[in-house]
Each structure stands twice: as C-alpha cells, then as structure tokens.
Amino acid sequence: MFTFEQYLGFLAFLMILTLGFWLMIFLVSILPYWIGGSLYENWKMKREEKKNKELK
C-alpha cells in the first residue's frame, strides 16, 4: 500500500507542520507580550528618572 519512503516523508511533513504550528503560536502570542512588557518597563524607568531629576 505505502512504501517506507512515503512513510518517512509523511513523518517529516508532520514534524515540519508541528514545528511551524508551535513557532506561529510563539510568534503571535508570546513575542508581542515579551516586547510589550519590555517597552512598558523602559517607559516606566524613564518616567521615574525624569521624576527624580525634577525633584532634585
């Protein structure tokens, strides 16, 4: 019915599909959260530095 090479090709296809799926989940959900949090922290630090300079 199916040859061994076809089976290996199917397994390779499934592996690539699964890796692509998890990479897209990472890029769509975790990466924006990470970058947004970093930008927010930098903004808070700069705001705090500006506030400290005004108090001196």
PDB file of N, CA and C in Angstrom:
ATOM      1  N   MET A   1       0.827  -1.189   0.000  1.00  0.00           N
ATOM      2  CA  MET A   1       0.000   0.000   0.000  1.00  0.00           C
ATOM      3  C   MET A   1       0.875   1.259   0.000  1.00  0.00           C
ATOM      4  N   PHE A   2       1.638   1.481   1.049  1.00  0.00           N
ATOM      5  CA  PHE A   2       2.557   2.615   1.103  1.00  0.00           C
ATOM      6  C   PHE A   2       3.971   2.091   1.277  1.00  0.00           C
ATOM      7  N   THR A   3       4.914   2.783   0.668  1.00  0.00           N
ATOM      8  CA  THR A   3       6.310   2.369   0.831  1.00  0.00           C
ATOM      9  C   THR A   3       6.899   3.048   2.063  1.00  0.00           C
ATOM     10  N   PHE A   4       8.042   2.540   2.471  1.00  0.00           N
ATOM     11  CA  PHE A   4       8.710   3.085   3.649  1.00  0.00           C
ATOM     12  C   PHE A   4       9.136   4.534   3.419  1.00  0.00           C
ATOM     13  N   GLU A   5       9.549   4.865   2.199  1.00  0.00           N
ATOM     14  CA  GLU A   5       9.954   6.241   1.886  1.00  0.00           C
ATOM     15  C   GLU A   5       8.776   7.199   1.998  1.00  0.00           C
ATOM     16  N   GLN A   6       7.600   6.733   1.583  1.00  0.00           N
ATOM     17  CA  GLN A   6       6.416   7.578   1.723  1.00  0.00           C
ATOM     18  C   GLN A   6       6.081   7.802   3.194  1.00  0.00           C
ATOM     19  N   TYR A   7       6.257   6.756   3.991  1.00  0.00           N
ATOM     20  CA  TYR A   7       6.013   6.872   5.433  1.00  0.00           C
ATOM     21  C   TYR A   7       6.979   7.878   6.060  1.00  0.00           C
ATOM     22  N   LEU A   8       8.262   7.803   5.688  1.00  0.00           N
ATOM     23  CA  LEU A   8       9.243   8.758   6.219  1.00  0.00           C
ATOM     24  C   LEU A   8       8.932  10.181   5.758  1.00  0.00           C
ATOM     25  N   GLY A   9       8.502  10.323   4.526  1.00  0.00           N
ATOM     26  CA  GLY A   9       8.124  11.645   4.032  1.00  0.00           C
ATOM     27  C   GLY A   9       6.928  12.204   4.783  1.00  0.00           C
ATOM     28  N   PHE A  10       5.972  11.337   5.067  1.00  0.00           N
ATOM     29  CA  PHE A  10       4.800  11.769   5.829  1.00  0.00           C
ATOM     30  C   PHE A  10       5.198  12.190   7.239  1.00  0.00           C
ATOM     31  N   LEU A  11       6.089  11.429   7.874  1.00  0.00           N
ATOM     32  CA  LEU A  11       6.559  11.799   9.216  1.00  0.00           C
ATOM     33  C   LEU A  11       7.312  13.127   9.190  1.00  0.00           C
ATOM     34  N   ALA A  12       8.137  13.334   8.160  1.00  0.00           N
ATOM     35  CA  ALA A  12       8.855  14.604   8.031  1.00  0.00           C
ATOM     36  C   ALA A  12       7.867  15.753   7.844  1.00  0.00           C
ATOM     37  N   PHE A  13       6.840  15.535   7.028  1.00  0.00           N
ATOM     38  CA  PHE A  13       5.811  16.551   6.817  1.00  0.00           C
ATOM     39  C   PHE A  13       5.104  16.884   8.124  1.00  0.00           C
ATOM     40  N   LEU A  14       4.735  15.863   8.902  1.00  0.00           N
ATOM     41  CA  LEU A  14       4.065  16.110  10.179  1.00  0.00           C
ATOM     42  C   LEU A  14       4.972  16.865  11.146  1.00  0.00           C
ATOM     43  N   MET A  15       6.259  16.529  11.161  1.00  0.00           N
ATOM     44  CA  MET A  15       7.191  17.224  12.048  1.00  0.00           C
ATOM     45  C   MET A  15       7.310  18.699  11.671  1.00  0.00           C
ATOM     46  N   ILE A  16       7.459  18.967  10.381  1.00  0.00           N
ATOM     47  CA  ILE A  16       7.583  20.355   9.920  1.00  0.00           C
ATOM     48  C   ILE A  16       6.301  21.127  10.207  1.00  0.00           C
ATOM     49  N   LEU A  17       5.154  20.491   9.984  1.00  0.00           N
ATOM     50  CA  LEU A  17       3.872  21.132  10.264  1.00  0.00           C
ATOM     51  C   LEU A  17       3.731  21.457  11.746  1.00  0.00           C
ATOM     52  N   THR A  18       4.110  20.518  12.603  1.00  0.00           N
ATOM     53  CA  THR A  18       4.006  20.737  14.050  1.00  0.00           C
ATOM     54  C   THR A  18       4.958  21.835  14.512  1.00  0.00           C
ATOM     55  N   LEU A  19       6.198  21.803  14.011  1.00  0.00           N
ATOM     56  CA  LEU A  19       7.149  22.859  14.372  1.00  0.00           C
ATOM     57  C   LEU A  19       6.646  24.229  13.913  1.00  0.00           C
ATOM     58  N   GLY A  20       6.108  24.294  12.709  1.00  0.00           N
ATOM     59  CA  GLY A  20       5.564  25.554  12.210  1.00  0.00           C
ATOM     60  C   GLY A  20       4.401  26.044  13.044  1.00  0.00           C
ATOM     61  N   PHE A  21       3.547  25.115  13.471  1.00  0.00           N
ATOM     62  CA  PHE A  21       2.405  25.488  14.298  1.00  0.00           C
ATOM     63  C   PHE A  21       2.870  26.112  15.608  1.00  0.00           C
ATOM     64  N   TRP A  22       3.782  25.463  16.312  1.00  0.00           N
ATOM     65  CA  TRP A  22       4.234  25.986  17.601  1.00  0.00           C
ATOM     66  C   TRP A  22       5.043  27.268  17.432  1.00  0.00           C
ATOM     67  N   LEU A  23       5.784  27.392  16.330  1.00  0.00           N
ATOM     68  CA  LEU A  23       6.511  28.633  16.067  1.00  0.00           C
ATOM     69  C   LEU A  23       5.536  29.788  15.851  1.00  0.00           C
ATOM     70  N   MET A  24       4.453  29.551  15.123  1.00  0.00           N
ATOM     71  CA  MET A  24       3.463  30.596  14.917  1.00  0.00           C
ATOM     72  C   MET A  24       2.767  30.961  16.223  1.00  0.00           C
ATOM     73  N   ILE A  25       2.461  29.968  17.059  1.00  0.00           N
ATOM     74  CA  ILE A  25       1.864  30.259  18.365  1.00  0.00           C
ATOM     75  C   ILE A  25       2.809  31.151  19.165  1.00  0.00           C
ATOM     76  N   PHE A  26       4.111  30.826  19.155  1.00  0.00           N
ATOM     77  CA  PHE A  26       5.101  31.629  19.871  1.00  0.00           C
ATOM     78  C   PHE A  26       5.152  33.049  19.315  1.00  0.00           C
ATOM     79  N   LEU A  27       5.238  33.168  17.993  1.00  0.00           N
ATOM     80  CA  LEU A  27       5.379  34.486  17.379  1.00  0.00           C
ATOM     81  C   LEU A  27       4.137  35.345  17.562  1.00  0.00           C
ATOM     82  N   VAL A  28       2.966  34.738  17.565  1.00  0.00           N
ATOM     83  CA  VAL A  28       1.726  35.504  17.635  1.00  0.00           C
ATOM     84  C   VAL A  28       1.366  35.879  19.065  1.00  0.00           C
ATOM     85  N   SER A  29       1.674  35.021  20.028  1.00  0.00           N
ATOM     86  CA  SER A  29       1.199  35.281  21.392  1.00  0.00           C
ATOM     87  C   SER A  29       2.314  35.708  22.346  1.00  0.00           C
ATOM     88  N   ILE A  30       3.390  34.973  22.421  1.00  0.00           N
ATOM     89  CA  ILE A  30       4.397  35.214  23.457  1.00  0.00           C
ATOM     90  C   ILE A  30       5.305  36.385  23.100  1.00  0.00           C
ATOM     91  N   LEU A  31       5.714  36.464  21.852  1.00  0.00           N
ATOM     92  CA  LEU A  31       6.650  37.510  21.452  1.00  0.00           C
ATOM     93  C   LEU A  31       6.085  38.924  21.630  1.00  0.00           C
ATOM     94  N   PRO A  32       4.858  39.235  21.196  1.00  0.00           N
ATOM     95  CA  PRO A  32       4.326  40.589  21.445  1.00  0.00           C
ATOM     96  C   PRO A  32       4.203  40.908  22.934  1.00  0.00           C
ATOM     97  N   TYR A  33       3.829  39.906  23.734  1.00  0.00           N
ATOM     98  CA  TYR A  33       3.734  40.111  25.178  1.00  0.00           C
ATOM     99  C   TYR A  33       5.104  40.456  25.754  1.00  0.00           C
ATOM    100  N   TRP A  34       6.138  39.754  25.309  1.00  0.00           N
ATOM    101  CA  TRP A  34       7.501  39.958  25.780  1.00  0.00           C
ATOM    102  C   TRP A  34       7.991  41.355  25.375  1.00  0.00           C
ATOM    103  N   ILE A  35       7.811  41.713  24.109  1.00  0.00           N
ATOM    104  CA  ILE A  35       8.277  43.013  23.625  1.00  0.00           C
ATOM    105  C   ILE A  35       7.482  44.144  24.270  1.00  0.00           C
ATOM    106  N   GLY A  36       6.170  43.968  24.390  1.00  0.00           N
ATOM    107  CA  GLY A  36       5.336  44.993  25.022  1.00  0.00           C
ATOM    108  C   GLY A  36       5.711  45.216  26.468  1.00  0.00           C
ATOM    109  N   GLY A  37       5.977  44.153  27.202  1.00  0.00           N
ATOM    110  CA  GLY A  37       6.394  44.281  28.599  1.00  0.00           C
ATOM    111  C   GLY A  37       7.725  44.987  28.721  1.00  0.00           C
ATOM    112  N   SER A  38       8.640  44.685  27.817  1.00  0.00           N
ATOM    113  CA  SER A  38       9.946  45.343  27.831  1.00  0.00           C
ATOM    114  C   SER A  38       9.803  46.838  27.555  1.00  0.00           C
ATOM    115  N   LEU A  39       8.998  47.188  26.560  1.00  0.00           N
ATOM    116  CA  LEU A  39       8.785  48.609  26.256  1.00  0.00           C
ATOM    117  C   LEU A  39       8.126  49.328  27.426  1.00  0.00           C
ATOM    118  N   TYR A  40       7.174  48.681  28.077  1.00  0.00           N
ATOM    119  CA  TYR A  40       6.491  49.283  29.225  1.00  0.00           C
ATOM    120  C   TYR A  40       7.462  49.497  30.382  1.00  0.00           C
ATOM    121  N   GLU A  41       8.328  48.521  30.643  1.00  0.00           N
ATOM    122  CA  GLU A  41       9.313  48.666  31.718  1.00  0.00           C
ATOM    123  C   GLU A  41      10.281  49.810  31.421  1.00  0.00           C
ATOM    124  N   ASN A  42      10.753  49.904  30.182  1.00  0.00           N
ATOM    125  CA  ASN A  42      11.652  51.006  29.814  1.00  0.00           C
ATOM    126  C   ASN A  42      10.960  52.351  29.971  1.00  0.00           C
ATOM    127  N   TRP A  43       9.698  52.440  29.584  1.00  0.00           N
ATOM    128  CA  TRP A  43       8.936  53.680  29.716  1.00  0.00           C
ATOM    129  C   TRP A  43       8.784  54.060  31.182  1.00  0.00           C
ATOM    130  N   LYS A  44       8.502  53.075  32.048  1.00  0.00           N
ATOM    131  CA  LYS A  44       8.374  53.364  33.479  1.00  0.00           C
ATOM    132  C   LYS A  44       9.699  53.851  34.060  1.00  0.00           C
ATOM    133  N   MET A  45      10.812  53.215  33.657  1.00  0.00           N
ATOM    134  CA  MET A  45      12.118  53.623  34.180  1.00  0.00           C
ATOM    135  C   MET A  45      12.461  55.043  33.744  1.00  0.00           C
ATOM    136  N   LYS A  46      12.209  55.382  32.482  1.00  0.00           N
ATOM    137  CA  LYS A  46      12.496  56.731  32.002  1.00  0.00           C
ATOM    138  C   LYS A  46      11.620  57.759  32.698  1.00  0.00           C
ATOM    139  N   ARG A  47      10.360  57.421  32.929  1.00  0.00           N
ATOM    140  CA  ARG A  47       9.447  58.323  33.632  1.00  0.00           C
ATOM    141  C   ARG A  47       9.924  58.543  35.066  1.00  0.00           C
ATOM    142  N   GLU A  48      10.403  57.484  35.705  1.00  0.00           N
ATOM    143  CA  GLU A  48      10.895  57.595  37.082  1.00  0.00           C
ATOM    144  C   GLU A  48      12.169  58.439  37.145  1.00  0.00           C
ATOM    145  N   GLU A  49      13.070  58.253  36.149  1.00  0.00           N
ATOM    146  CA  GLU A  49      14.288  59.063  36.109  1.00  0.00           C
ATOM    147  C   GLU A  49      13.947  60.540  35.920  1.00  0.00           C
ATOM    148  N   LYS A  50      12.991  60.822  35.059  1.00  0.00           N
ATOM    149  CA  LYS A  50      12.591  62.209  34.819  1.00  0.00           C
ATOM    150  C   LYS A  50      11.993  62.817  36.086  1.00  0.00           C
ATOM    151  N   LYS A  51      11.200  62.022  36.803  1.00  0.00           N
ATOM    152  CA  LYS A  51      10.584  62.496  38.038  1.00  0.00           C
ATOM    153  C   LYS A  51      11.654  62.773  39.098  1.00  0.00           C
ATOM    154  N   ASN A  52      12.675  61.910  39.178  1.00  0.00           N
ATOM    155  CA  ASN A  52      13.756  62.113  40.147  1.00  0.00           C
ATOM    156  C   ASN A  52      14.581  63.351  39.811  1.00  0.00           C
ATOM    157  N   LYS A  53      14.789  63.633  38.520  1.00  0.00           N
ATOM    158  CA  LYS A  53      15.537  64.825  38.124  1.00  0.00           C
ATOM    159  C   LYS A  53      14.774  66.096  38.483  1.00  0.00           C
ATOM    160  N   GLU A  54      13.452  66.052  38.372  1.00  0.00           N
ATOM    161  CA  GLU A  54      12.645  67.229  38.697  1.00  0.00           C
ATOM    162  C   GLU A  54      12.652  67.505  40.192  1.00  0.00           C
ATOM    163  N   LEU A  55      12.772  66.472  41.010  1.00  0.00           N
ATOM    164  CA  LEU A  55      12.767  66.656  42.458  1.00  0.00           C
ATOM    165  C   LEU A  55      14.084  67.231  42.970  1.00  0.00           C
ATOM    166  N   LYS A  56      15.174  67.024  42.239  1.00  0.00           N
ATOM    167  CA  LYS A  56      16.485  67.499  42.713  1.00  0.00           C
ATOM    168  C   LYS A  56      16.665  68.981  42.510  1.00  0.00           C
TER     169      LYS A  56
END
